[in-house]
Amino acid sequence: KEPLWRDLVGAVLRRERLAQERTLKDVADA
């Protein structure tokens, strides 16, 4: 089964946010 595009994009967003040590609130506000 191939992964869903929304799962892949979401994982990239989370990985990038965590690599920058930023919070959900910080990124959501920006």
PDB file of all heavy atoms in Angstrom:
ATOM      1  N   LYS A   1       0.845  -1.185   0.000  1.00  0.00           N
ATOM      2  CA  LYS A   1       0.000   0.000   0.000  1.00  0.00           C
ATOM      3  C   LYS A   1       0.886   1.243   0.000  1.00  0.00           C
ATOM      4  O   LYS A   1       1.774   1.377   0.832  1.00  0.00           O
ATOM      5  CB  LYS A   1      -0.872  -0.023   1.248  1.00  0.00           C
ATOM      6  CG  LYS A   1      -2.158   0.695   1.108  1.00  0.00           C
ATOM      7  CD  LYS A   1      -3.018   0.433   2.327  1.00  0.00           C
ATOM      8  CE  LYS A   1      -4.180   1.376   2.321  1.00  0.00           C
ATOM      9  NZ  LYS A   1      -4.996   1.248   3.496  1.00  0.00           N
ATOM     10  N   GLU A   2       0.633   2.123  -0.951  1.00  0.00           N
ATOM     11  CA  GLU A   2       1.391   3.361  -0.996  1.00  0.00           C
ATOM     12  C   GLU A   2       0.828   4.318   0.052  1.00  0.00           C
ATOM     13  O   GLU A   2      -0.374   4.344   0.300  1.00  0.00           O
ATOM     14  CB  GLU A   2       1.314   3.988  -2.385  1.00  0.00           C
ATOM     15  CG  GLU A   2       2.059   3.191  -3.430  1.00  0.00           C
ATOM     16  CD  GLU A   2       2.051   3.863  -4.792  1.00  0.00           C
ATOM     17  OE1 GLU A   2       1.263   4.801  -4.999  1.00  0.00           O
ATOM     18  OE2 GLU A   2       2.833   3.433  -5.640  1.00  0.00           O
ATOM     19  N   PRO A   3       1.713   5.106   0.654  1.00  0.00           N
ATOM     20  CA  PRO A   3       1.214   6.056   1.653  1.00  0.00           C
ATOM     21  C   PRO A   3       0.362   7.141   1.010  1.00  0.00           C
ATOM     22  O   PRO A   3       0.490   7.432  -0.172  1.00  0.00           O
ATOM     23  CB  PRO A   3       2.500   6.647   2.251  1.00  0.00           C
ATOM     24  CG  PRO A   3       3.575   6.356   1.273  1.00  0.00           C
ATOM     25  CD  PRO A   3       3.145   5.154   0.489  1.00  0.00           C
ATOM     26  N   LEU A   4      -0.486   7.719   1.805  1.00  0.00           N
ATOM     27  CA  LEU A   4      -1.327   8.815   1.327  1.00  0.00           C
ATOM     28  C   LEU A   4      -0.505  10.093   1.252  1.00  0.00           C
ATOM     29  O   LEU A   4       0.378  10.337   2.079  1.00  0.00           O
ATOM     30  CB  LEU A   4      -2.514   9.024   2.267  1.00  0.00           C
ATOM     31  CG  LEU A   4      -3.495   7.860   2.378  1.00  0.00           C
ATOM     32  CD1 LEU A   4      -4.551   8.171   3.432  1.00  0.00           C
ATOM     33  CD2 LEU A   4      -4.133   7.579   1.033  1.00  0.00           C
ATOM     34  N   TRP A   5      -0.821  10.918   0.260  1.00  0.00           N
ATOM     35  CA  TRP A   5      -0.099  12.179   0.069  1.00  0.00           C
ATOM     36  C   TRP A   5      -0.210  13.062   1.309  1.00  0.00           C
ATOM     37  O   TRP A   5       0.764  13.672   1.744  1.00  0.00           O
ATOM     38  CB  TRP A   5      -0.650  12.884  -1.175  1.00  0.00           C
ATOM     39  CG  TRP A   5       0.116  14.105  -1.542  1.00  0.00           C
ATOM     40  CD1 TRP A   5      -0.334  15.385  -1.501  1.00  0.00           C
ATOM     41  CD2 TRP A   5       1.461  14.183  -2.018  1.00  0.00           C
ATOM     42  NE1 TRP A   5       0.646  16.246  -1.920  1.00  0.00           N
ATOM     43  CE2 TRP A   5       1.761  15.527  -2.242  1.00  0.00           C
ATOM     44  CE3 TRP A   5       2.443  13.226  -2.271  1.00  0.00           C
ATOM     45  CZ2 TRP A   5       3.002  15.962  -2.701  1.00  0.00           C
ATOM     46  CZ3 TRP A   5       3.678  13.658  -2.732  1.00  0.00           C
ATOM     47  CH2 TRP A   5       3.943  15.009  -2.937  1.00  0.00           C
ATOM     48  N   ARG A   6      -1.401  13.110   1.928  1.00  0.00           N
ATOM     49  CA  ARG A   6      -1.572  13.968   3.103  1.00  0.00           C
ATOM     50  C   ARG A   6      -0.702  13.504   4.264  1.00  0.00           C
ATOM     51  O   ARG A   6      -0.224  14.316   5.041  1.00  0.00           O
ATOM     52  CB  ARG A   6      -3.041  14.058   3.502  1.00  0.00           C
ATOM     53  CG  ARG A   6      -3.629  12.767   4.026  1.00  0.00           C
ATOM     54  CD  ARG A   6      -5.062  12.983   4.501  1.00  0.00           C
ATOM     55  NE  ARG A   6      -5.573  11.763   5.058  1.00  0.00           N
ATOM     56  CZ  ARG A   6      -6.562  11.069   4.536  1.00  0.00           C
ATOM     57  NH1 ARG A   6      -7.175  11.485   3.452  1.00  0.00           N
ATOM     58  NH2 ARG A   6      -6.971   9.955   5.100  1.00  0.00           N
ATOM     59  N   ASP A   7      -0.465  12.186   4.375  1.00  0.00           N
ATOM     60  CA  ASP A   7       0.426  11.676   5.418  1.00  0.00           C
ATOM     61  C   ASP A   7       1.864  12.104   5.151  1.00  0.00           C
ATOM     62  O   ASP A   7       2.602  12.477   6.071  1.00  0.00           O
ATOM     63  CB  ASP A   7       0.356  10.149   5.498  1.00  0.00           C
ATOM     64  CG  ASP A   7      -0.976   9.648   6.034  1.00  0.00           C
ATOM     65  OD1 ASP A   7      -1.606  10.367   6.838  1.00  0.00           O
ATOM     66  OD2 ASP A   7      -1.394   8.550   5.645  1.00  0.00           O
ATOM     67  N   LEU A   8       2.273  12.019   3.890  1.00  0.00           N
ATOM     68  CA  LEU A   8       3.642  12.391   3.530  1.00  0.00           C
ATOM     69  C   LEU A   8       3.897  13.874   3.763  1.00  0.00           C
ATOM     70  O   LEU A   8       4.908  14.262   4.359  1.00  0.00           O
ATOM     71  CB  LEU A   8       3.909  12.039   2.062  1.00  0.00           C
ATOM     72  CG  LEU A   8       3.905  10.550   1.738  1.00  0.00           C
ATOM     73  CD1 LEU A   8       3.795  10.341   0.240  1.00  0.00           C
ATOM     74  CD2 LEU A   8       5.142   9.891   2.288  1.00  0.00           C
ATOM     75  N   VAL A   9       2.985  14.714   3.288  1.00  0.00           N
ATOM     76  CA  VAL A   9       3.149  16.163   3.439  1.00  0.00           C
ATOM     77  C   VAL A   9       3.121  16.535   4.923  1.00  0.00           C
ATOM     78  O   VAL A   9       3.940  17.337   5.388  1.00  0.00           O
ATOM     79  CB  VAL A   9       2.062  16.916   2.646  1.00  0.00           C
ATOM     80  CG1 VAL A   9       2.079  18.406   2.963  1.00  0.00           C
ATOM     81  CG2 VAL A   9       2.261  16.701   1.155  1.00  0.00           C
ATOM     82  N   GLY A  10       2.212  15.946   5.665  1.00  0.00           N
ATOM     83  CA  GLY A  10       2.139  16.228   7.101  1.00  0.00           C
ATOM     84  C   GLY A  10       3.407  15.825   7.825  1.00  0.00           C
ATOM     85  O   GLY A  10       3.896  16.548   8.697  1.00  0.00           O
ATOM     86  N   ALA A  11       3.968  14.680   7.450  1.00  0.00           N
ATOM     87  CA  ALA A  11       5.214  14.220   8.077  1.00  0.00           C
ATOM     88  C   ALA A  11       6.363  15.173   7.775  1.00  0.00           C
ATOM     89  O   ALA A  11       7.203  15.444   8.642  1.00  0.00           O
ATOM     90  CB  ALA A  11       5.540  12.804   7.612  1.00  0.00           C
ATOM     91  N   VAL A  12       6.412  15.683   6.548  1.00  0.00           N
ATOM     92  CA  VAL A  12       7.465  16.640   6.194  1.00  0.00           C
ATOM     93  C   VAL A  12       7.306  17.920   7.014  1.00  0.00           C
ATOM     94  O   VAL A  12       8.287  18.438   7.564  1.00  0.00           O
ATOM     95  CB  VAL A  12       7.458  16.947   4.682  1.00  0.00           C
ATOM     96  CG1 VAL A  12       8.377  18.112   4.352  1.00  0.00           C
ATOM     97  CG2 VAL A  12       7.860  15.715   3.885  1.00  0.00           C
ATOM     98  N   LEU A  13       6.086  18.423   7.107  1.00  0.00           N
ATOM     99  CA  LEU A  13       5.862  19.633   7.900  1.00  0.00           C
ATOM    100  C   LEU A  13       6.299  19.427   9.348  1.00  0.00           C
ATOM    101  O   LEU A  13       6.985  20.277   9.931  1.00  0.00           O
ATOM    102  CB  LEU A  13       4.391  20.055   7.844  1.00  0.00           C
ATOM    103  CG  LEU A  13       3.898  20.638   6.524  1.00  0.00           C
ATOM    104  CD1 LEU A  13       2.388  20.817   6.546  1.00  0.00           C
ATOM    105  CD2 LEU A  13       4.602  21.959   6.222  1.00  0.00           C
ATOM    106  N   ARG A  14       5.903  18.321   9.929  1.00  0.00           N
ATOM    107  CA  ARG A  14       6.269  18.048  11.328  1.00  0.00           C
ATOM    108  C   ARG A  14       7.781  17.899  11.473  1.00  0.00           C
ATOM    109  O   ARG A  14       8.380  18.445  12.394  1.00  0.00           O
ATOM    110  CB  ARG A  14       5.562  16.797  11.838  1.00  0.00           C
ATOM    111  CG  ARG A  14       6.007  16.440  13.267  1.00  0.00           C
ATOM    112  CD  ARG A  14       5.130  15.413  13.876  1.00  0.00           C
ATOM    113  NE  ARG A  14       3.931  16.123  14.309  1.00  0.00           N
ATOM    114  CZ  ARG A  14       2.868  15.540  14.856  1.00  0.00           C
ATOM    115  NH1 ARG A  14       2.837  14.248  15.008  1.00  0.00           N
ATOM    116  NH2 ARG A  14       1.840  16.245  15.232  1.00  0.00           N
ATOM    117  N   ARG A  15       8.403  17.147  10.562  1.00  0.00           N
ATOM    118  CA  ARG A  15       9.854  16.936  10.623  1.00  0.00           C
ATOM    119  C   ARG A  15      10.597  18.272  10.538  1.00  0.00           C
ATOM    120  O   ARG A  15      11.520  18.532  11.309  1.00  0.00           O
ATOM    121  CB  ARG A  15      10.278  15.996   9.499  1.00  0.00           C
ATOM    122  CG  ARG A  15      11.725  15.586   9.542  1.00  0.00           C
ATOM    123  CD  ARG A  15      12.045  14.513   8.526  1.00  0.00           C
ATOM    124  NE  ARG A  15      11.854  15.010   7.167  1.00  0.00           N
ATOM    125  CZ  ARG A  15      11.195  14.366   6.211  1.00  0.00           C
ATOM    126  NH1 ARG A  15      10.640  13.192   6.461  1.00  0.00           N
ATOM    127  NH2 ARG A  15      11.056  14.883   5.014  1.00  0.00           N
ATOM    128  N   GLU A  16      10.173  19.132   9.619  1.00  0.00           N
ATOM    129  CA  GLU A  16      10.821  20.432   9.462  1.00  0.00           C
ATOM    130  C   GLU A  16      10.592  21.311  10.696  1.00  0.00           C
ATOM    131  O   GLU A  16      11.501  21.996  11.149  1.00  0.00           O
ATOM    132  CB  GLU A  16      10.324  21.136   8.203  1.00  0.00           C
ATOM    133  CG  GLU A  16      10.768  20.452   6.922  1.00  0.00           C
ATOM    134  CD  GLU A  16      12.272  20.424   6.754  1.00  0.00           C
ATOM    135  OE1 GLU A  16      12.950  21.443   7.023  1.00  0.00           O
ATOM    136  OE2 GLU A  16      12.788  19.372   6.344  1.00  0.00           O
ATOM    137  N   ARG A  17       9.378  21.294  11.234  1.00  0.00           N
ATOM    138  CA  ARG A  17       9.079  22.102  12.421  1.00  0.00           C
ATOM    139  C   ARG A  17       9.917  21.657  13.612  1.00  0.00           C
ATOM    140  O   ARG A  17      10.511  22.473  14.317  1.00  0.00           O
ATOM    141  CB  ARG A  17       7.579  22.009  12.756  1.00  0.00           C
ATOM    142  CG  ARG A  17       7.187  22.814  13.991  1.00  0.00           C
ATOM    143  CD  ARG A  17       5.703  22.730  14.276  1.00  0.00           C
ATOM    144  NE  ARG A  17       5.216  21.386  14.522  1.00  0.00           N
ATOM    145  CZ  ARG A  17       5.366  20.725  15.675  1.00  0.00           C
ATOM    146  NH1 ARG A  17       6.008  21.267  16.685  1.00  0.00           N
ATOM    147  NH2 ARG A  17       4.860  19.512  15.815  1.00  0.00           N
ATOM    148  N   LEU A  18       9.996  20.335  13.798  1.00  0.00           N
ATOM    149  CA  LEU A  18      10.777  19.822  14.927  1.00  0.00           C
ATOM    150  C   LEU A  18      12.273  20.062  14.729  1.00  0.00           C
ATOM    151  O   LEU A  18      12.991  20.331  15.697  1.00  0.00           O
ATOM    152  CB  LEU A  18      10.490  18.329  15.127  1.00  0.00           C
ATOM    153  CG  LEU A  18       9.063  18.003  15.585  1.00  0.00           C
ATOM    154  CD1 LEU A  18       8.851  16.498  15.639  1.00  0.00           C
ATOM    155  CD2 LEU A  18       8.752  18.663  16.926  1.00  0.00           C
ATOM    156  N   ALA A  19      12.747  19.977  13.499  1.00  0.00           N
ATOM    157  CA  ALA A  19      14.167  20.244  13.219  1.00  0.00           C
ATOM    158  C   ALA A  19      14.512  21.691  13.562  1.00  0.00           C
ATOM    159  O   ALA A  19      15.647  21.989  13.955  1.00  0.00           O
ATOM    160  CB  ALA A  19      14.480  19.956  11.754  1.00  0.00           C
ATOM    161  N   GLN A  20      13.552  22.583  13.434  1.00  0.00           N
ATOM    162  CA  GLN A  20      13.765  23.991  13.766  1.00  0.00           C
ATOM    163  C   GLN A  20      13.438  24.285  15.232  1.00  0.00           C
ATOM    164  O   GLN A  20      13.522  25.438  15.666  1.00  0.00           O
ATOM    165  CB  GLN A  20      12.901  24.876  12.855  1.00  0.00           C
ATOM    166  CG  GLN A  20      13.289  24.804  11.400  1.00  0.00           C
ATOM    167  CD  GLN A  20      12.365  25.621  10.515  1.00  0.00           C
ATOM    168  OE1 GLN A  20      11.707  26.562  10.954  1.00  0.00           O
ATOM    169  NE2 GLN A  20      12.323  25.259   9.237  1.00  0.00           N
ATOM    170  N   GLU A  21      13.034  23.243  15.958  1.00  0.00           N
ATOM    171  CA  GLU A  21      12.682  23.358  17.368  1.00  0.00           C
ATOM    172  C   GLU A  21      11.612  24.428  17.592  1.00  0.00           C
ATOM    173  O   GLU A  21      11.697  25.250  18.492  1.00  0.00           O
ATOM    174  CB  GLU A  21      13.923  23.631  18.227  1.00  0.00           C
ATOM    175  CG  GLU A  21      14.941  22.511  18.148  1.00  0.00           C
ATOM    176  CD  GLU A  21      16.193  22.775  18.966  1.00  0.00           C
ATOM    177  OE1 GLU A  21      16.342  23.878  19.542  1.00  0.00           O
ATOM    178  OE2 GLU A  21      17.029  21.859  19.024  1.00  0.00           O
ATOM    179  N   ARG A  22      10.592  24.395  16.753  1.00  0.00           N
ATOM    180  CA  ARG A  22       9.496  25.354  16.843  1.00  0.00           C
ATOM    181  C   ARG A  22       8.236  24.648  17.309  1.00  0.00           C
ATOM    182  O   ARG A  22       8.058  23.454  17.074  1.00  0.00           O
ATOM    183  CB  ARG A  22       9.276  26.026  15.490  1.00  0.00           C
ATOM    184  CG  ARG A  22      10.488  26.901  15.116  1.00  0.00           C
ATOM    185  CD  ARG A  22      10.386  27.501  13.769  1.00  0.00           C
ATOM    186  NE  ARG A  22       9.283  28.470  13.689  1.00  0.00           N
ATOM    187  CZ  ARG A  22       8.896  29.017  12.536  1.00  0.00           C
ATOM    188  NH1 ARG A  22       9.504  28.713  11.408  1.00  0.00           N
ATOM    189  NH2 ARG A  22       7.903  29.875  12.523  1.00  0.00           N
ATOM    190  N   THR A  23       7.362  25.401  17.926  1.00  0.00           N
ATOM    191  CA  THR A  23       6.106  24.835  18.427  1.00  0.00           C
ATOM    192  C   THR A  23       5.032  24.916  17.347  1.00  0.00           C
ATOM    193  O   THR A  23       5.143  25.695  16.393  1.00  0.00           O
ATOM    194  CB  THR A  23       5.615  25.603  19.669  1.00  0.00           C
ATOM    195  OG1 THR A  23       5.302  26.945  19.286  1.00  0.00           O
ATOM    196  CG2 THR A  23       6.653  25.588  20.784  1.00  0.00           C
ATOM    197  N   LEU A  24       3.994  24.124  17.548  1.00  0.00           N
ATOM    198  CA  LEU A  24       2.829  24.199  16.660  1.00  0.00           C
ATOM    199  C   LEU A  24       2.264  25.612  16.664  1.00  0.00           C
ATOM    200  O   LEU A  24       1.925  26.154  15.620  1.00  0.00           O
ATOM    201  CB  LEU A  24       1.745  23.218  17.111  1.00  0.00           C
ATOM    202  CG  LEU A  24       1.819  21.796  16.605  1.00  0.00           C
ATOM    203  CD1 LEU A  24       0.841  20.911  17.369  1.00  0.00           C
ATOM    204  CD2 LEU A  24       1.537  21.734  15.123  1.00  0.00           C
ATOM    205  N   LYS A  25       2.174  26.204  17.841  1.00  0.00           N
ATOM    206  CA  LYS A  25       1.599  27.551  17.954  1.00  0.00           C
ATOM    207  C   LYS A  25       2.426  28.558  17.169  1.00  0.00           C
ATOM    208  O   LYS A  25       1.865  29.398  16.447  1.00  0.00           O
ATOM    209  CB  LYS A  25       1.488  27.966  19.418  1.00  0.00           C
ATOM    210  CG  LYS A  25       0.878  29.360  19.576  1.00  0.00           C
ATOM    211  CD  LYS A  25       0.557  29.661  21.012  1.00  0.00           C
ATOM    212  CE  LYS A  25      -0.027  31.022  21.254  1.00  0.00           C
ATOM    213  NZ  LYS A  25      -0.470  31.815  20.180  1.00  0.00           N
ATOM    214  N   ASP A  26       3.720  28.481  17.282  1.00  0.00           N
ATOM    215  CA  ASP A  26       4.595  29.416  16.573  1.00  0.00           C
ATOM    216  C   ASP A  26       4.387  29.324  15.063  1.00  0.00           C
ATOM    217  O   ASP A  26       4.208  30.331  14.380  1.00  0.00           O
ATOM    218  CB  ASP A  26       6.054  29.112  16.945  1.00  0.00           C
ATOM    219  CG  ASP A  26       7.038  29.979  16.183  1.00  0.00           C
ATOM    220  OD1 ASP A  26       6.774  31.179  15.995  1.00  0.00           O
ATOM    221  OD2 ASP A  26       8.088  29.432  15.767  1.00  0.00           O
ATOM    222  N   VAL A  27       4.389  28.107  14.541  1.00  0.00           N
ATOM    223  CA  VAL A  27       4.247  27.921  13.087  1.00  0.00           C
ATOM    224  C   VAL A  27       2.828  28.264  12.650  1.00  0.00           C
ATOM    225  O   VAL A  27       2.625  28.917  11.613  1.00  0.00           O
ATOM    226  CB  VAL A  27       4.634  26.484  12.678  1.00  0.00           C
ATOM    227  CG1 VAL A  27       4.378  26.243  11.201  1.00  0.00           C
ATOM    228  CG2 VAL A  27       6.109  26.228  13.010  1.00  0.00           C
ATOM    229  N   ALA A  28       1.836  27.859  13.422  1.00  0.00           N
ATOM    230  CA  ALA A  28       0.442  28.160  13.063  1.00  0.00           C
ATOM    231  C   ALA A  28       0.207  29.668  13.037  1.00  0.00           C
ATOM    232  O   ALA A  28      -0.458  30.188  12.124  1.00  0.00           O
ATOM    233  CB  ALA A  28      -0.511  27.482  14.044  1.00  0.00           C
ATOM    234  N   ASP A  29       0.749  30.385  14.023  1.00  0.00           N
ATOM    235  CA  ASP A  29       0.597  31.844  14.035  1.00  0.00           C
ATOM    236  C   ASP A  29       1.273  32.475  12.818  1.00  0.00           C
ATOM    237  O   ASP A  29       0.708  33.356  12.177  1.00  0.00           O
ATOM    238  CB  ASP A  29       1.191  32.441  15.321  1.00  0.00           C
ATOM    239  CG  ASP A  29       0.351  32.151  16.552  1.00  0.00           C
ATOM    240  OD1 ASP A  29      -0.804  31.690  16.397  1.00  0.00           O
ATOM    241  OD2 ASP A  29       0.856  32.359  17.675  1.00  0.00           O
ATOM    242  N   ALA A  30       2.466  32.021  12.479  1.00  0.00           N
ATOM    243  CA  ALA A  30       3.187  32.566  11.326  1.00  0.00           C
ATOM    244  C   ALA A  30       2.455  32.260  10.019  1.00  0.00           C
ATOM    245  O   ALA A  30       2.479  33.059   9.081  1.00  0.00           O
ATOM    246  CB  ALA A  30       4.612  32.015  11.278  1.00  0.00           C
TER     247      ALA A  30
END
